[in-house]
Amino acid sequence: MEFKFVSEVIELIQAGETVICCESPIQERKRLLYNIAQYCSSNNVKCHLWNLGQEIVKEAKCQFNNFECNINELVDYTPVEIKKTKDYFSIFQFWNNYQESGILVVENLYPWIGTNPPQETEFFIISEWIKSNLIHIAQNSDYSGNKCLIILGQKAELHPELAAEIPLIVHDLPDINEILDFLSESKFILPNSLNEQELITIARSCVGLYITDIAKGLRLIIKKHPQISNEKVVEYLLEYKIDLLNKLYEIEFIRPPKVPLGGLDLMQEAFKKFKRLLSPLAKAYKLKVPKGILLVGPPGTGKSHSAKVCSQVMGIPLILVDWGNFRGYGNEAERKLKDLLKLADKLNEVLLYFDDFDKGFAGDDDLGRRLAGQLLTWMQERTSDVIVIASANRMEWLPPELTRSGRFDYIYKVDLPNYGERHAIFKLHGARFDNRFRNGGDPYTKDEWRRLLKETHRCVGAEIQTIVERAAATTFYQMFPEDMSFPEDGNLPPLEISIATLLEERRQINPLAIREADKVESMRNKADLQGLPSSPLDESIYAIGNVDIFDN
């Protein structure tokens, strides 16, 4: 199957281009070589391959019966004896002297012809020498229609001197139609009993992967589970895709989770509205999901957890990224972000969550500004249904252009939980250990709750979680003061957390909002200036205004 990327390359060859630069992932290399060799075979011309690791020219021939490309050493080529660095690139001498029609695929050249090659003397001289050779070949009209040099690699960059002379084609992720074409022709991998709708379902689960990765994943799944059902193929493909994307992009890609959230009702209600904007009916009215949502507030208030809840409410996957990590990529930072945004666009309906967004701009350096500019341009111009969610502790660290309308359409203040929210958070975490909290159960009296909620004033959700977990561990120690074997009948005595244990664990921690009161209040006040409230007024029975002094 000839794919879109190869079609674009062949169109340029047929148009008379003598040098073409191609950016393609390493996993697609064999498939690309096969398609180019197939084109050469169909047009009765030779296809050659050279890379720095081989140091020799090889002839590539396609093998139609197994869709592979045989690469054999070219017998009439004698490599130059290596006396100096320039001799490693004697391939240019070979190609200048080559008298037949053909295509030469060259790998490993991009470090020398990029926008910022190293300035060491020898490297710089070789870089200039290679660029001069490429310009000579690109401008040599004698080559037109007969010979074409294809430069292949993963990270294609062209120096401005070459950019005007040499076209650059980027091998993008396949769209749903390309994947469907591949699956339709891949009966040697998939069962023949698949109907059209089942093919579409499988194709959708493959979006975000290159064709070679899809083929490899399907072969692994079918080999491991020969009698697998069509439904299981989709499930295993999703697992394979998530694992691969996490490795390739250094992200955390998760399906819509099932996570409880205590409080933040106003924000949850907004997420439900956003979900409706993904419907075909909303698109018919030319309505779109918001470009970005910014969550601002002190650490531990549940901003990251809120992103997972948004994924759950909207029923779309979530990509978790630590924005500060981009600074650690150095010169690769912009490329890493570019590749991630291209992946999100291809996945389309997905939440892209940048954690600790403000920390990426703390240094106020050139890299932070370039990354911000790249993200802003993408957010402004994108047409996909990707929703960007970012969390920040300090609004003042963010560039002003990031917080204006049209970028982050909604800014929510995620504040310290009120009395009613703390009550809900305690119950959520309590249910993990104490069966009395499950199915709406509540083992404590109102007076006990009021005492606990008063003592945990200014505690954030993360601190409440810690209190409950430590209280559960303490209760376990008290129940089993010595190591005991697991009961043979499998019946475990109930673990019941008391108010006294929770209060004792509370006394052993010093909440951030008390320990760093000035900093936390500064964060809250600045978030108040631009953020919408994420929680309604506390109208629970435990709200301060609802305390009845005569209630027994």
Protein backbone atom coordinates (compact mmCIF):
# COMPACT_ATOMS: atom_id res chain seq x y z
CA MET A 1 0.00 0.00 0.00
CA GLU A 2 1.41 3.37 -1.01
CA PHE A 3 0.74 5.92 1.71
CA LYS A 4 0.25 9.67 1.59
CA PHE A 5 3.79 10.54 2.62
CA VAL A 6 5.30 8.45 -0.22
CA SER A 7 2.82 9.92 -2.70
CA GLU A 8 4.10 13.39 -1.84
CA VAL A 9 7.71 12.25 -2.31
CA ILE A 10 6.94 10.66 -5.67
CA GLU A 11 5.11 13.78 -6.86
CA LEU A 12 8.25 15.84 -6.16
CA ILE A 13 10.45 13.29 -7.95
CA GLN A 14 8.17 13.42 -10.97
CA ALA A 15 8.20 17.22 -10.82
CA GLY A 16 11.97 17.13 -11.36
CA GLU A 17 13.28 17.81 -7.84
CA THR A 18 16.85 16.57 -7.53
CA VAL A 19 17.10 16.75 -3.71
CA ILE A 20 14.25 16.05 -1.29
CA CYS A 21 14.42 16.11 2.52
CA CYS A 22 12.11 13.75 4.39
CA GLU A 23 11.39 13.61 8.11
CA SER A 24 10.11 10.19 9.07
CA PRO A 25 10.15 8.15 12.32
CA ILE A 26 12.61 5.28 12.52
CA GLN A 27 9.86 2.66 12.78
CA GLU A 28 8.54 3.65 9.33
CA ARG A 29 11.98 3.36 7.68
CA LYS A 30 11.53 -0.14 6.20
CA ARG A 31 8.07 0.60 4.87
CA LEU A 32 9.27 3.84 3.31
CA LEU A 33 12.24 2.11 1.65
CA TYR A 34 9.94 -0.60 0.31
CA ASN A 35 7.63 1.96 -1.29
CA ILE A 36 10.50 3.91 -2.85
CA ALA A 37 12.08 0.67 -4.14
CA GLN A 38 8.68 -0.36 -5.52
CA TYR A 39 8.42 2.96 -7.37
CA CYS A 40 11.91 2.48 -8.80
CA SER A 41 11.11 -1.08 -9.89
CA SER A 42 7.93 0.09 -11.62
CA ASN A 43 9.91 2.77 -13.50
CA ASN A 44 12.90 0.53 -14.28
CA VAL A 45 15.42 2.64 -12.36
CA LYS A 46 17.77 1.67 -9.55
CA CYS A 47 17.28 2.53 -5.89
CA HIS A 48 20.38 2.98 -3.72
CA LEU A 49 20.81 3.41 0.03
CA TRP A 50 23.69 4.95 2.01
CA ASN A 51 24.13 5.84 5.65
CA LEU A 52 27.05 6.79 7.84
CA GLY A 53 26.97 3.51 9.74
CA GLN A 54 27.43 1.38 6.60
CA GLU A 55 29.87 3.69 4.76
CA ILE A 56 29.00 1.81 1.57
CA VAL A 57 26.28 2.18 -1.04
CA LYS A 58 23.68 -0.57 -1.20
CA GLU A 59 21.04 -1.35 -3.76
CA ALA A 60 17.47 -1.71 -2.52
CA LYS A 61 14.98 -3.99 -4.27
CA CYS A 62 11.40 -4.62 -3.21
CA GLN A 63 10.22 -8.16 -2.61
CA PHE A 64 6.54 -8.14 -3.49
CA ASN A 65 5.58 -11.45 -1.94
CA ASN A 66 6.28 -10.36 1.65
CA PHE A 67 6.18 -6.57 1.33
CA GLU A 68 9.84 -6.19 2.29
CA CYS A 69 12.87 -4.49 0.82
CA ASN A 70 16.02 -6.48 0.15
CA ILE A 71 19.15 -4.35 0.57
CA ASN A 72 22.31 -5.73 -1.01
CA GLU A 73 25.79 -4.31 -1.37
CA LEU A 74 26.42 -2.52 -4.66
CA VAL A 75 29.24 -4.42 -6.31
CA ASP A 76 30.42 -1.64 -8.64
CA TYR A 77 31.05 0.88 -5.85
CA THR A 78 34.39 1.09 -4.06
CA PRO A 79 34.39 3.30 -0.95
CA VAL A 80 37.11 5.92 -0.66
CA GLU A 81 39.92 5.22 1.77
CA ILE A 82 39.24 7.24 4.92
CA LYS A 83 42.09 9.68 5.49
CA LYS A 84 40.15 12.67 6.80
CA THR A 85 36.61 13.33 8.04
CA LYS A 86 35.40 14.56 4.68
CA ASP A 87 36.13 11.13 3.18
CA TYR A 88 33.24 9.67 5.17
CA PHE A 89 30.95 11.55 2.80
CA SER A 90 32.44 10.30 -0.46
CA ILE A 91 28.85 9.42 -1.35
CA PHE A 92 28.61 12.82 -3.02
CA GLN A 93 31.50 11.91 -5.32
CA PHE A 94 29.71 8.65 -6.16
CA TRP A 95 26.46 10.43 -6.95
CA ASN A 96 28.09 13.17 -9.02
CA ASN A 97 29.79 10.49 -11.14
CA TYR A 98 26.72 8.24 -11.37
CA GLN A 99 25.59 8.12 -15.01
CA GLU A 100 22.35 6.15 -14.78
CA SER A 101 18.86 7.15 -13.74
CA GLY A 102 18.07 6.35 -10.15
CA ILE A 103 17.23 7.35 -6.61
CA LEU A 104 19.73 7.56 -3.76
CA VAL A 105 18.41 7.51 -0.19
CA VAL A 106 20.91 9.08 2.22
CA GLU A 107 20.60 8.87 6.02
CA ASN A 108 22.41 10.55 8.96
CA LEU A 109 22.92 13.95 7.30
CA TYR A 110 20.62 16.19 9.34
CA PRO A 111 23.12 17.04 12.13
CA TRP A 112 25.30 18.74 9.48
CA ILE A 113 22.59 20.62 7.60
CA GLY A 114 20.36 21.85 10.45
CA THR A 115 19.68 25.39 11.58
CA ASN A 116 22.25 25.37 14.39
CA PRO A 117 25.10 22.94 13.68
CA PRO A 118 27.90 22.81 16.27
CA GLN A 119 30.54 25.46 15.71
CA GLU A 120 33.61 23.29 16.29
CA THR A 121 36.03 24.01 13.45
CA GLU A 122 36.09 20.60 11.79
CA PHE A 123 32.34 20.03 12.19
CA PHE A 124 31.63 23.50 10.79
CA ILE A 125 33.89 22.92 7.76
CA ILE A 126 32.29 19.55 6.99
CA SER A 127 28.84 21.14 7.41
CA GLU A 128 29.68 23.86 4.89
CA TRP A 129 31.15 21.28 2.50
CA ILE A 130 28.02 19.10 2.65
CA LYS A 131 25.72 22.10 2.18
CA SER A 132 27.72 23.21 -0.87
CA ASN A 133 27.42 19.74 -2.39
CA LEU A 134 23.67 19.66 -1.80
CA ILE A 135 23.17 23.09 -3.34
CA HIS A 136 25.22 21.98 -6.36
CA ILE A 137 23.07 18.86 -6.79
CA ALA A 138 19.81 20.78 -6.22
CA GLN A 139 20.71 23.38 -8.86
CA ASN A 140 22.17 20.95 -11.39
CA SER A 141 19.64 20.83 -14.22
CA ASP A 142 21.38 17.76 -15.72
CA TYR A 143 19.97 15.67 -12.87
CA SER A 144 16.38 16.74 -13.40
CA GLY A 145 14.06 13.81 -14.12
CA ASN A 146 16.91 11.28 -14.01
CA LYS A 147 18.46 11.33 -10.56
CA CYS A 148 17.04 12.24 -7.18
CA LEU A 149 18.76 12.35 -3.79
CA ILE A 150 16.40 11.71 -0.84
CA ILE A 151 17.69 12.72 2.60
CA LEU A 152 15.96 10.67 5.27
CA GLY A 153 15.96 11.02 9.05
CA GLN A 154 13.91 11.58 12.19
CA LYS A 155 14.73 15.16 13.10
CA ALA A 156 14.76 17.10 9.87
CA GLU A 157 15.98 20.64 10.01
CA LEU A 158 17.25 22.68 7.09
CA HIS A 159 19.70 25.54 7.28
CA PRO A 160 18.25 28.74 5.73
CA GLU A 161 20.76 28.41 2.89
CA LEU A 162 19.14 25.09 1.91
CA ALA A 163 15.52 25.74 2.81
CA ALA A 164 14.84 27.78 -0.35
CA GLU A 165 16.38 25.14 -2.62
CA ILE A 166 15.32 21.82 -1.08
CA PRO A 167 11.70 20.85 -0.26
CA LEU A 168 11.05 19.28 3.15
CA ILE A 169 8.28 16.74 3.68
CA VAL A 170 7.22 15.67 7.17
CA HIS A 171 5.78 12.21 7.73
CA ASP A 172 2.73 12.99 9.86
CA LEU A 173 0.68 10.52 11.83
CA PRO A 174 -1.89 8.77 9.60
CA ASP A 175 -5.49 9.91 9.70
CA ILE A 176 -8.44 7.60 10.16
CA ASN A 177 -8.84 7.04 6.41
CA GLU A 178 -5.20 5.98 5.95
CA ILE A 179 -5.55 3.57 8.86
CA LEU A 180 -8.76 2.14 7.39
CA ASP A 181 -7.04 1.62 4.02
CA PHE A 182 -4.23 -0.25 5.74
CA LEU A 183 -6.58 -2.41 7.83
CA SER A 184 -8.69 -3.23 4.78
CA GLU A 185 -5.59 -4.54 2.99
CA SER A 186 -4.25 -6.34 6.07
CA LYS A 187 -6.31 -9.52 5.95
CA PHE A 188 -3.12 -11.42 6.71
CA ILE A 189 -3.25 -9.82 10.17
CA LEU A 190 -6.94 -9.31 10.94
CA PRO A 191 -9.73 -11.88 10.76
CA ASN A 192 -11.70 -11.89 7.49
CA SER A 193 -15.00 -11.79 9.37
CA LEU A 194 -14.73 -8.11 10.29
CA ASN A 195 -17.55 -5.91 9.02
CA GLU A 196 -17.19 -2.23 8.13
CA GLN A 197 -18.24 -0.93 11.54
CA GLU A 198 -15.82 -3.24 13.33
CA LEU A 199 -13.00 -2.03 11.07
CA ILE A 200 -13.87 1.59 11.89
CA THR A 201 -13.86 0.80 15.63
CA ILE A 202 -10.43 -0.81 15.39
CA ALA A 203 -9.14 2.07 13.25
CA ARG A 204 -10.26 4.63 15.83
CA SER A 205 -8.42 2.76 18.56
CA CYS A 206 -5.25 3.04 16.42
CA VAL A 207 -5.33 6.82 15.93
CA GLY A 208 -2.11 8.34 17.26
CA LEU A 209 0.11 5.48 16.02
CA TYR A 210 2.11 5.09 12.81
CA ILE A 211 1.12 2.28 10.44
CA THR A 212 4.18 0.19 11.31
CA ASP A 213 3.33 0.42 15.01
CA ILE A 214 -0.25 -0.61 14.27
CA ALA A 215 0.91 -3.64 12.27
CA LYS A 216 3.35 -4.66 15.00
CA GLY A 217 0.70 -4.29 17.71
CA LEU A 218 -1.85 -6.35 15.77
CA ARG A 219 0.68 -9.12 15.08
CA LEU A 220 1.64 -9.29 18.76
CA ILE A 221 -1.99 -9.42 19.87
CA ILE A 222 -3.05 -12.05 17.33
CA LYS A 223 0.03 -14.17 18.04
CA LYS A 224 -0.58 -14.07 21.79
CA HIS A 225 -4.36 -14.54 21.49
CA PRO A 226 -5.08 -16.56 18.29
CA GLN A 227 -8.81 -16.94 19.04
CA ILE A 228 -9.35 -13.38 20.23
CA SER A 229 -12.74 -11.71 19.69
CA ASN A 230 -13.07 -8.46 17.77
CA GLU A 231 -14.04 -6.60 20.94
CA LYS A 232 -10.89 -7.81 22.70
CA VAL A 233 -8.75 -6.69 19.74
CA VAL A 234 -9.85 -3.12 20.39
CA GLU A 235 -9.23 -3.42 24.14
CA TYR A 236 -5.72 -4.85 23.70
CA LEU A 237 -4.90 -2.33 20.98
CA LEU A 238 -5.79 0.52 23.32
CA GLU A 239 -3.53 -0.95 26.02
CA TYR A 240 -0.73 -1.33 23.47
CA LYS A 241 -1.22 2.24 22.23
CA ILE A 242 -1.26 3.77 25.70
CA ASP A 243 1.93 1.96 26.68
CA LEU A 244 3.69 2.99 23.45
CA LEU A 245 2.61 6.64 23.59
CA ASN A 246 3.74 6.93 27.20
CA LYS A 247 7.21 5.71 26.19
CA LEU A 248 7.55 7.71 22.97
CA TYR A 249 6.28 11.05 24.28
CA GLU A 250 7.20 10.72 27.98
CA ILE A 251 3.63 11.45 29.03
CA GLU A 252 0.90 9.77 31.05
CA PHE A 253 -1.93 8.88 28.69
CA ILE A 254 -4.96 7.51 30.48
CA ARG A 255 -8.48 6.55 29.51
CA PRO A 256 -11.38 8.38 31.15
CA PRO A 257 -10.90 7.39 34.81
CA LYS A 258 -13.49 6.69 37.47
CA VAL A 259 -12.49 9.00 40.29
CA PRO A 260 -14.66 10.60 42.97
CA LEU A 261 -14.38 14.31 43.73
CA GLY A 262 -15.67 16.03 46.81
CA GLY A 263 -16.78 19.59 46.07
CA LEU A 264 -15.93 21.97 43.19
CA ASP A 265 -19.53 21.61 41.98
CA LEU A 266 -19.52 24.74 39.81
CA MET A 267 -16.51 23.54 37.85
CA GLN A 268 -17.97 20.05 37.47
CA GLU A 269 -21.17 21.57 36.08
CA ALA A 270 -19.11 23.50 33.52
CA PHE A 271 -17.42 20.27 32.39
CA LYS A 272 -20.84 18.73 31.75
CA LYS A 273 -21.68 21.67 29.47
CA PHE A 274 -18.37 21.32 27.63
CA LYS A 275 -19.20 17.67 26.91
CA ARG A 276 -22.31 18.72 25.03
CA LEU A 277 -20.17 20.93 22.78
CA LEU A 278 -18.54 17.78 21.37
CA SER A 279 -21.85 16.60 19.91
CA PRO A 280 -22.65 16.80 16.17
CA LEU A 281 -25.60 19.04 17.03
CA ALA A 282 -23.32 21.61 18.67
CA LYS A 283 -21.01 21.49 15.66
CA ALA A 284 -23.99 22.14 13.39
CA TYR A 285 -24.44 25.40 15.30
CA LYS A 286 -20.69 26.10 14.81
CA LEU A 287 -20.06 25.84 18.53
CA LYS A 288 -16.68 24.68 19.80
CA VAL A 289 -15.21 23.46 23.05
CA PRO A 290 -13.12 26.05 24.95
CA LYS A 291 -9.51 26.32 23.86
CA GLY A 292 -8.16 26.30 27.38
CA ILE A 293 -9.08 26.07 31.05
CA LEU A 294 -6.75 27.37 33.74
CA LEU A 295 -6.96 26.08 37.33
CA VAL A 296 -5.36 28.42 39.86
CA GLY A 297 -4.88 27.94 43.58
CA PRO A 298 -2.58 26.79 46.37
CA PRO A 299 -0.86 23.39 46.20
CA GLY A 300 -2.89 20.36 47.25
CA THR A 301 -6.31 21.84 46.54
CA GLY A 302 -7.15 19.23 43.90
CA LYS A 303 -6.20 20.84 40.59
CA SER A 304 -4.63 17.68 39.11
CA HIS A 305 -7.48 15.58 40.44
CA SER A 306 -9.96 18.01 38.85
CA ALA A 307 -8.42 17.35 35.42
CA LYS A 308 -9.10 13.62 35.89
CA VAL A 309 -12.67 14.40 36.91
CA CYS A 310 -13.06 16.52 33.77
CA SER A 311 -11.86 13.55 31.69
CA GLN A 312 -14.39 11.34 33.48
CA VAL A 313 -17.29 13.77 33.06
CA MET A 314 -16.57 14.40 29.38
CA GLY A 315 -15.76 10.77 28.59
CA ILE A 316 -12.55 11.54 26.66
CA PRO A 317 -8.91 10.49 27.31
CA LEU A 318 -6.48 12.56 29.32
CA ILE A 319 -2.83 13.31 28.58
CA LEU A 320 -0.91 14.35 31.70
CA VAL A 321 2.26 16.40 31.15
CA ASP A 322 4.53 18.18 33.61
CA TRP A 323 5.10 21.50 31.83
CA GLY A 324 8.27 22.15 33.82
CA ASN A 325 9.88 19.06 32.27
CA PHE A 326 10.14 20.84 28.93
CA ARG A 327 12.87 23.03 30.38
CA GLY A 328 14.97 19.93 30.96
CA TYR A 329 14.93 19.03 27.26
CA GLY A 330 17.15 21.99 26.36
CA ASN A 331 17.41 22.45 22.60
CA GLU A 332 14.91 19.63 22.10
CA ALA A 333 12.17 21.37 24.12
CA GLU A 334 10.39 23.03 21.21
CA ARG A 335 10.48 19.86 19.11
CA LYS A 336 9.12 17.82 22.03
CA LEU A 337 6.23 20.26 22.45
CA LYS A 338 5.59 20.36 18.70
CA ASP A 339 5.38 16.56 18.50
CA LEU A 340 3.07 16.43 21.51
CA LEU A 341 0.70 19.02 20.05
CA LYS A 342 0.63 17.16 16.72
CA LEU A 343 -0.28 13.98 18.58
CA ALA A 344 -3.08 15.76 20.47
CA ASP A 345 -4.43 17.20 17.20
CA LYS A 346 -4.49 13.76 15.60
CA LEU A 347 -6.25 12.21 18.63
CA ASN A 348 -8.73 15.12 18.37
CA GLU A 349 -11.15 14.64 21.28
CA VAL A 350 -8.68 14.61 24.15
CA LEU A 351 -7.80 16.62 27.26
CA LEU A 352 -4.22 17.89 27.37
CA TYR A 353 -3.31 18.69 30.97
CA PHE A 354 -0.17 20.69 31.82
CA ASP A 355 0.67 20.34 35.50
CA ASP A 356 2.63 23.06 37.33
CA PHE A 357 2.22 25.31 34.31
CA ASP A 358 3.60 28.37 36.09
CA LYS A 359 6.90 26.70 36.98
CA GLY A 360 7.88 26.59 33.32
CA PHE A 361 7.98 30.40 33.30
CA ALA A 362 9.62 30.99 36.67
CA GLY A 363 12.97 31.83 35.11
CA ASP A 364 11.51 34.37 32.65
CA ASP A 365 14.06 33.18 30.11
CA ASP A 366 14.03 32.95 26.34
CA LEU A 367 13.13 29.23 26.29
CA GLY A 368 10.03 29.80 28.43
CA ARG A 369 8.87 32.61 26.14
CA ARG A 370 9.44 30.52 23.00
CA LEU A 371 7.50 27.59 24.43
CA ALA A 372 4.68 29.90 25.47
CA GLY A 373 4.60 31.43 22.00
CA GLN A 374 4.51 28.00 20.37
CA LEU A 375 1.63 26.87 22.60
CA LEU A 376 -0.30 30.11 22.08
CA THR A 377 0.02 29.93 18.30
CA TRP A 378 -1.24 26.35 18.33
CA MET A 379 -4.15 27.17 20.66
CA GLN A 380 -5.12 30.11 18.45
CA GLU A 381 -4.97 28.24 15.13
CA ARG A 382 -5.97 24.67 15.93
CA THR A 383 -9.22 23.27 14.60
CA SER A 384 -9.28 20.02 16.59
CA ASP A 385 -11.43 19.42 19.68
CA VAL A 386 -8.49 19.31 22.07
CA ILE A 387 -9.10 21.02 25.41
CA VAL A 388 -6.02 22.33 27.17
CA ILE A 389 -6.19 22.32 30.97
CA ALA A 390 -3.34 23.85 32.93
CA SER A 391 -2.77 24.22 36.66
CA ALA A 392 -0.84 27.02 38.32
CA ASN A 393 -0.06 28.09 41.86
CA ARG A 394 1.14 31.59 41.02
CA MET A 395 -0.70 33.63 38.41
CA GLU A 396 2.00 36.31 38.40
CA TRP A 397 4.55 33.92 36.88
CA LEU A 398 2.46 33.41 33.76
CA PRO A 399 3.03 35.66 30.71
CA PRO A 400 0.10 38.13 30.43
CA GLU A 401 -0.70 36.99 26.89
CA LEU A 402 -1.51 33.51 28.22
CA THR A 403 -4.36 34.69 30.43
CA ARG A 404 -6.22 36.93 28.02
CA SER A 405 -9.51 35.84 26.44
CA GLY A 406 -9.17 33.55 23.46
CA ARG A 407 -6.36 31.55 25.03
CA PHE A 408 -7.57 30.23 28.35
CA ASP A 409 -11.28 30.92 28.02
CA TYR A 410 -12.04 29.87 31.59
CA ILE A 411 -9.96 30.50 34.70
CA TYR A 412 -11.13 28.77 37.88
CA LYS A 413 -9.93 29.44 41.39
CA VAL A 414 -9.47 26.10 43.15
CA ASP A 415 -9.50 27.22 46.77
CA LEU A 416 -9.16 25.69 50.20
CA PRO A 417 -12.15 23.38 50.74
CA ASN A 418 -15.02 24.74 52.82
CA TYR A 419 -16.72 22.82 55.64
CA GLY A 420 -19.11 20.92 53.40
CA GLU A 421 -16.34 20.00 50.96
CA ARG A 422 -14.05 18.80 53.73
CA HIS A 423 -16.89 16.62 54.98
CA ALA A 424 -17.29 15.10 51.50
CA ILE A 425 -13.51 14.56 51.12
CA PHE A 426 -13.28 12.80 54.49
CA LYS A 427 -16.11 10.47 53.51
CA LEU A 428 -14.57 9.69 50.11
CA HIS A 429 -11.24 8.68 51.59
CA GLY A 430 -12.81 7.05 54.62
CA ALA A 431 -14.75 4.70 52.33
CA ARG A 432 -11.44 3.30 51.03
CA PHE A 433 -10.76 1.70 54.43
CA ASP A 434 -13.88 1.80 56.63
CA ASN A 435 -16.96 -0.01 55.29
CA ARG A 436 -19.24 2.18 57.39
CA PHE A 437 -18.65 5.06 54.97
CA ARG A 438 -19.72 3.11 51.89
CA ASN A 439 -23.08 3.43 50.13
CA GLY A 440 -23.70 6.81 51.74
CA GLY A 441 -23.05 5.60 55.27
CA ASP A 442 -21.97 8.05 57.97
CA PRO A 443 -20.73 6.61 61.28
CA TYR A 444 -20.14 9.93 63.10
CA THR A 445 -22.54 12.26 64.86
CA LYS A 446 -22.97 15.90 63.79
CA ASP A 447 -21.06 17.08 66.84
CA GLU A 448 -18.17 14.77 66.02
CA TRP A 449 -18.10 16.04 62.44
CA ARG A 450 -18.18 19.66 63.54
CA ARG A 451 -15.24 19.10 65.85
CA LEU A 452 -13.24 17.33 63.13
CA LEU A 453 -14.08 19.92 60.46
CA LYS A 454 -13.18 22.77 62.79
CA GLU A 455 -9.82 21.17 63.60
CA THR A 456 -9.07 20.69 59.88
CA HIS A 457 -9.82 24.31 58.96
CA ARG A 458 -7.31 25.40 56.26
CA CYS A 459 -6.43 21.79 55.41
CA VAL A 460 -6.44 21.05 51.67
CA GLY A 461 -7.72 17.86 50.07
CA ALA A 462 -4.26 16.27 49.86
CA GLU A 463 -3.73 16.84 53.59
CA ILE A 464 -7.12 15.36 54.44
CA GLN A 465 -6.21 12.30 52.38
CA THR A 466 -2.98 11.96 54.36
CA ILE A 467 -4.84 12.27 57.67
CA VAL A 468 -7.28 9.50 56.72
CA GLU A 469 -4.54 7.18 55.39
CA ARG A 470 -2.43 7.62 58.51
CA ALA A 471 -5.47 7.13 60.75
CA ALA A 472 -6.31 3.90 58.91
CA ALA A 473 -2.73 2.64 59.41
CA THR A 474 -2.84 3.54 63.11
CA THR A 475 -6.15 1.71 63.51
CA PHE A 476 -4.61 -1.35 61.85
CA TYR A 477 -1.64 -1.27 64.28
CA GLN A 478 -4.06 -1.10 67.20
CA MET A 479 -6.13 -4.02 65.85
CA PHE A 480 -3.09 -6.20 65.21
CA PRO A 481 -0.28 -5.22 67.60
CA GLU A 482 1.78 -8.19 66.38
CA ASP A 483 2.24 -9.86 62.99
CA MET A 484 -0.57 -12.31 62.31
CA SER A 485 -1.26 -14.68 59.44
CA PHE A 486 -4.12 -14.05 57.04
CA PRO A 487 -7.38 -15.65 58.32
CA GLU A 488 -7.94 -19.06 56.75
CA ASP A 489 -11.65 -18.38 56.27
CA GLY A 490 -10.85 -15.11 54.47
CA ASN A 491 -13.06 -13.06 56.80
CA LEU A 492 -11.31 -9.89 57.92
CA PRO A 493 -12.49 -8.01 61.01
CA PRO A 494 -13.77 -4.54 60.05
CA LEU A 495 -11.37 -1.63 60.23
CA GLU A 496 -13.22 1.24 61.94
CA ILE A 497 -11.54 4.63 62.09
CA SER A 498 -12.50 6.71 65.10
CA ILE A 499 -12.82 10.47 65.35
CA ALA A 500 -10.16 10.45 68.09
CA THR A 501 -7.65 8.76 65.75
CA LEU A 502 -8.35 11.30 62.97
CA LEU A 503 -7.91 14.20 65.39
CA GLU A 504 -4.63 12.76 66.67
CA GLU A 505 -3.29 12.44 63.13
CA ARG A 506 -4.43 16.00 62.43
CA ARG A 507 -2.39 17.24 65.40
CA GLN A 508 0.71 15.62 63.94
CA ILE A 509 0.69 17.58 60.68
CA ASN A 510 1.12 21.30 60.07
CA PRO A 511 -1.02 22.35 57.08
CA LEU A 512 0.67 24.35 54.34
CA ALA A 513 -1.93 27.12 54.59
CA ILE A 514 -0.85 27.66 58.21
CA ARG A 515 2.85 26.92 57.80
CA GLU A 516 3.17 29.25 54.78
CA ALA A 517 0.19 31.47 55.50
CA ASP A 518 1.55 34.60 53.77
CA LYS A 519 2.41 32.78 50.53
CA VAL A 520 -0.86 30.85 50.43
CA GLU A 521 -2.96 33.96 51.06
CA SER A 522 -1.06 35.76 48.31
CA MET A 523 -1.88 32.92 45.89
CA ARG A 524 -5.54 32.97 46.90
CA ASN A 525 -5.89 36.73 46.60
CA LYS A 526 -4.30 36.90 43.16
CA ALA A 527 -6.44 34.00 41.95
CA ASP A 528 -9.49 35.92 43.18
CA LEU A 529 -8.74 38.76 40.77
CA GLN A 530 -9.20 36.70 37.60
CA GLY A 531 -10.60 33.31 38.57
CA LEU A 532 -14.19 32.13 38.62
CA PRO A 533 -15.27 30.32 41.79
CA SER A 534 -15.13 26.53 41.38
CA SER A 535 -17.38 25.92 44.37
CA PRO A 536 -20.77 27.39 45.32
CA LEU A 537 -21.40 28.98 48.70
CA ASP A 538 -21.27 26.41 51.47
CA GLU A 539 -24.88 25.51 52.22
CA SER A 540 -24.16 22.23 53.99
CA ILE A 541 -25.35 21.60 57.54
CA TYR A 542 -21.73 22.05 58.63
CA ALA A 543 -21.33 25.53 57.18
CA ILE A 544 -20.50 28.11 59.84
CA GLY A 545 -23.74 29.98 59.21
CA ASN A 546 -25.81 26.82 59.55
CA VAL A 547 -24.67 25.79 63.00
CA ASP A 548 -27.68 25.56 65.32
CA ILE A 549 -26.53 26.17 68.89
CA PHE A 550 -29.73 24.53 70.19
CA ASP A 551 -29.24 21.34 68.10
CA ASN A 552 -28.70 18.33 70.31
